[in-house]
């Protein structure tokens, strides 16, 4: 999951498609250059035999608006590699207050970081 998050953050479409299970891989996929991915939090991860599930939260910013993508992703292992099958995504808009921790993950207050 971390490698796929990094690929989204870098816009590495080739890696994203290569790590996607063929039966669910889209024919075409484009990243949005306006979306900046900031933090990934893996809530839980479990694997049974050649199947796995990762529950994560990923924070992004697009056009000045903060979002949190929460997903339970399903993976399959083949030949020592994990392939993304699908997930159940929920996108939430964040509204950080001035004194809230900054969603970028810096640890600073929002007003002293990205909100300043």
C-alpha atoms as a PDB file:
ATOM      1  CA  UNK A   1       0.000   0.000   0.000  1.00  0.00           C
ATOM      2  CA  UNK A   2       2.812   2.389   0.829  1.00  0.00           C
ATOM      3  CA  UNK A   3       4.406   1.884  -2.580  1.00  0.00           C
ATOM      4  CA  UNK A   4       1.086   2.610  -4.324  1.00  0.00           C
ATOM      5  CA  UNK A   5       0.595   5.757  -2.218  1.00  0.00           C
ATOM      6  CA  UNK A   6       4.101   6.907  -3.218  1.00  0.00           C
ATOM      7  CA  UNK A   7       3.273   6.191  -6.856  1.00  0.00           C
ATOM      8  CA  UNK A   8       0.101   8.302  -6.591  1.00  0.00           C
ATOM      9  CA  UNK A   9       2.101  11.110  -4.953  1.00  0.00           C
ATOM     10  CA  UNK A  10       4.741  11.015  -7.724  1.00  0.00           C
ATOM     11  CA  UNK A  11       2.265  10.459 -10.566  1.00  0.00           C
ATOM     12  CA  UNK A  12       3.922   7.141 -11.461  1.00  0.00           C
ATOM     13  CA  UNK A  13       1.114   5.736 -13.638  1.00  0.00           C
ATOM     14  CA  UNK A  14       3.254   2.855 -14.960  1.00  0.00           C
ATOM     15  CA  UNK A  15       3.800   1.489 -11.437  1.00  0.00           C
ATOM     16  CA  UNK A  16       0.144   1.918 -10.483  1.00  0.00           C
ATOM     17  CA  UNK A  17      -1.011  -0.041 -13.523  1.00  0.00           C
ATOM     18  CA  UNK A  18       1.682  -2.716 -13.080  1.00  0.00           C
ATOM     19  CA  UNK A  19       0.620  -3.278  -9.450  1.00  0.00           C
ATOM     20  CA  UNK A  20      -3.093  -3.483 -10.341  1.00  0.00           C
ATOM     21  CA  UNK A  21      -4.703  -6.927 -10.780  1.00  0.00           C
ATOM     22  CA  UNK A  22      -5.359  -7.469 -14.515  1.00  0.00           C
ATOM     23  CA  UNK A  23      -9.038  -8.324 -14.019  1.00  0.00           C
ATOM     24  CA  UNK A  24      -9.818  -4.964 -12.381  1.00  0.00           C
ATOM     25  CA  UNK A  25      -7.133  -2.761 -13.987  1.00  0.00           C
ATOM     26  CA  UNK A  26      -8.635   0.120 -15.954  1.00  0.00           C
ATOM     27  CA  UNK A  27      -7.768   0.334 -19.627  1.00  0.00           C
ATOM     28  CA  UNK A  28      -6.712   3.958 -19.102  1.00  0.00           C
ATOM     29  CA  UNK A  29      -5.748   5.794 -15.956  1.00  0.00           C
ATOM     30  CA  UNK A  30      -4.519   9.333 -15.448  1.00  0.00           C
ATOM     31  CA  UNK A  31      -3.390  11.023 -12.277  1.00  0.00           C
ATOM     32  CA  UNK A  32      -4.634  14.487 -11.429  1.00  0.00           C
ATOM     33  CA  UNK A  33      -1.645  16.855 -11.303  1.00  0.00           C
ATOM     34  CA  UNK A  34      -3.718  19.260  -9.172  1.00  0.00           C
ATOM     35  CA  UNK A  35      -3.947  16.706  -6.340  1.00  0.00           C
ATOM     36  CA  UNK A  36      -1.107  16.785  -3.830  1.00  0.00           C
ATOM     37  CA  UNK A  37      -0.911  13.690  -1.610  1.00  0.00           C
ATOM     38  CA  UNK A  38       0.450  14.469   1.854  1.00  0.00           C
ATOM     39  CA  UNK A  39       0.077  11.679   4.403  1.00  0.00           C
ATOM     40  CA  UNK A  40      -0.754   8.001   4.549  1.00  0.00           C
ATOM     41  CA  UNK A  41      -1.887   6.268   7.729  1.00  0.00           C
ATOM     42  CA  UNK A  42      -2.272   2.514   7.627  1.00  0.00           C
ATOM     43  CA  UNK A  43      -5.035   1.743  10.130  1.00  0.00           C
ATOM     44  CA  UNK A  44      -4.770  -2.034   9.779  1.00  0.00           C
ATOM     45  CA  UNK A  45      -3.342  -4.648   7.464  1.00  0.00           C
ATOM     46  CA  UNK A  46      -3.943  -8.375   7.379  1.00  0.00           C
ATOM     47  CA  UNK A  47      -2.935 -11.191   5.077  1.00  0.00           C
ATOM     48  CA  UNK A  48      -4.286 -14.725   4.789  1.00  0.00           C
ATOM     49  CA  UNK A  49      -2.439 -16.991   2.376  1.00  0.00           C
ATOM     50  CA  UNK A  50      -2.299 -15.058  -0.898  1.00  0.00           C
ATOM     51  CA  UNK A  51      -4.999 -12.492  -0.005  1.00  0.00           C
ATOM     52  CA  UNK A  52      -4.686  -9.309   1.973  1.00  0.00           C
ATOM     53  CA  UNK A  53      -6.640  -6.262   3.083  1.00  0.00           C
ATOM     54  CA  UNK A  54      -5.343  -2.818   4.028  1.00  0.00           C
ATOM     55  CA  UNK A  55      -7.463  -0.179   5.761  1.00  0.00           C
ATOM     56  CA  UNK A  56      -5.866   3.243   5.271  1.00  0.00           C
ATOM     57  CA  UNK A  57      -6.401   6.999   5.443  1.00  0.00           C
ATOM     58  CA  UNK A  58      -4.712   9.235   2.874  1.00  0.00           C
ATOM     59  CA  UNK A  59      -4.791  13.026   3.098  1.00  0.00           C
ATOM     60  CA  UNK A  60      -4.654  15.139  -0.040  1.00  0.00           C
ATOM     61  CA  UNK A  61      -5.075  18.749  -1.098  1.00  0.00           C
ATOM     62  CA  UNK A  62      -6.665  19.897  -4.330  1.00  0.00           C
ATOM     63  CA  UNK A  63      -7.456  23.472  -5.338  1.00  0.00           C
ATOM     64  CA  UNK A  64      -6.872  24.656  -1.750  1.00  0.00           C
ATOM     65  CA  UNK A  65      -9.307  22.110  -0.282  1.00  0.00           C
ATOM     66  CA  UNK A  66      -8.212  19.273   2.027  1.00  0.00           C
ATOM     67  CA  UNK A  67      -9.606  15.749   1.660  1.00  0.00           C
ATOM     68  CA  UNK A  68      -9.269  12.428   3.434  1.00  0.00           C
ATOM     69  CA  UNK A  69      -9.592   9.219   1.432  1.00  0.00           C
ATOM     70  CA  UNK A  70     -10.461   6.239   3.616  1.00  0.00           C
ATOM     71  CA  UNK A  71     -10.407   2.858   1.955  1.00  0.00           C
ATOM     72  CA  UNK A  72     -10.342  -0.837   2.680  1.00  0.00           C
ATOM     73  CA  UNK A  73      -8.280  -2.191  -0.202  1.00  0.00           C
ATOM     74  CA  UNK A  74      -8.080  -5.825  -1.244  1.00  0.00           C
ATOM     75  CA  UNK A  75      -4.862  -7.327  -2.592  1.00  0.00           C
ATOM     76  CA  UNK A  76      -3.710 -10.638  -4.027  1.00  0.00           C
ATOM     77  CA  UNK A  77      -0.174 -12.013  -3.933  1.00  0.00           C
ATOM     78  CA  UNK A  78       1.290 -13.706  -7.011  1.00  0.00           C
ATOM     79  CA  UNK A  79       4.906 -14.570  -7.638  1.00  0.00           C
ATOM     80  CA  UNK A  80       6.052 -12.645  -4.575  1.00  0.00           C
ATOM     81  CA  UNK A  81       4.257  -9.436  -5.637  1.00  0.00           C
ATOM     82  CA  UNK A  82       1.070  -7.888  -4.248  1.00  0.00           C
ATOM     83  CA  UNK A  83      -1.582  -6.701  -6.711  1.00  0.00           C
ATOM     84  CA  UNK A  84      -4.385  -4.263  -5.905  1.00  0.00           C
ATOM     85  CA  UNK A  85      -7.779  -5.822  -6.679  1.00  0.00           C
ATOM     86  CA  UNK A  86     -10.288  -3.219  -5.515  1.00  0.00           C
ATOM     87  CA  UNK A  87     -11.435  -1.201  -2.536  1.00  0.00           C
ATOM     88  CA  UNK A  88     -14.284   0.598  -0.859  1.00  0.00           C
ATOM     89  CA  UNK A  89     -13.273   4.287  -0.956  1.00  0.00           C
ATOM     90  CA  UNK A  90     -14.920   7.070   1.054  1.00  0.00           C
ATOM     91  CA  UNK A  91     -13.785  10.642   0.340  1.00  0.00           C
ATOM     92  CA  UNK A  92     -14.362  13.255   3.042  1.00  0.00           C
ATOM     93  CA  UNK A  93     -13.701  16.998   2.825  1.00  0.00           C
ATOM     94  CA  UNK A  94     -11.663  18.282   5.758  1.00  0.00           C
ATOM     95  CA  UNK A  95     -12.141  21.698   7.354  1.00  0.00           C
ATOM     96  CA  UNK A  96      -9.184  22.197   9.694  1.00  0.00           C
ATOM     97  CA  UNK A  97      -9.505  24.978  12.256  1.00  0.00           C
ATOM     98  CA  UNK A  98      -6.727  27.509  12.767  1.00  0.00           C
ATOM     99  CA  UNK A  99      -5.488  25.745  15.900  1.00  0.00           C
ATOM    100  CA  UNK A 100      -5.982  22.206  14.563  1.00  0.00           C
ATOM    101  CA  UNK A 101      -2.967  20.088  13.629  1.00  0.00           C
ATOM    102  CA  UNK A 102      -2.131  20.718   9.981  1.00  0.00           C
ATOM    103  CA  UNK A 103      -3.493  17.936   7.733  1.00  0.00           C
ATOM    104  CA  UNK A 104      -0.162  17.851   5.844  1.00  0.00           C
ATOM    105  CA  UNK A 105       1.306  15.883   8.739  1.00  0.00           C
ATOM    106  CA  UNK A 106       3.939  18.443   9.787  1.00  0.00           C
ATOM    107  CA  UNK A 107       2.814  18.411  13.429  1.00  0.00           C
ATOM    108  CA  UNK A 108       2.429  22.211  13.422  1.00  0.00           C
ATOM    109  CA  UNK A 109      -0.831  24.051  13.923  1.00  0.00           C
ATOM    110  CA  UNK A 110      -2.747  24.679  10.708  1.00  0.00           C
ATOM    111  CA  UNK A 111      -2.439  28.479  11.068  1.00  0.00           C
ATOM    112  CA  UNK A 112       1.379  28.237  11.293  1.00  0.00           C
ATOM    113  CA  UNK A 113       1.714  25.772   8.414  1.00  0.00           C
ATOM    114  CA  UNK A 114      -0.472  25.341   5.323  1.00  0.00           C
ATOM    115  CA  UNK A 115      -3.231  27.629   6.612  1.00  0.00           C
ATOM    116  CA  UNK A 116      -0.969  30.643   7.077  1.00  0.00           C
END
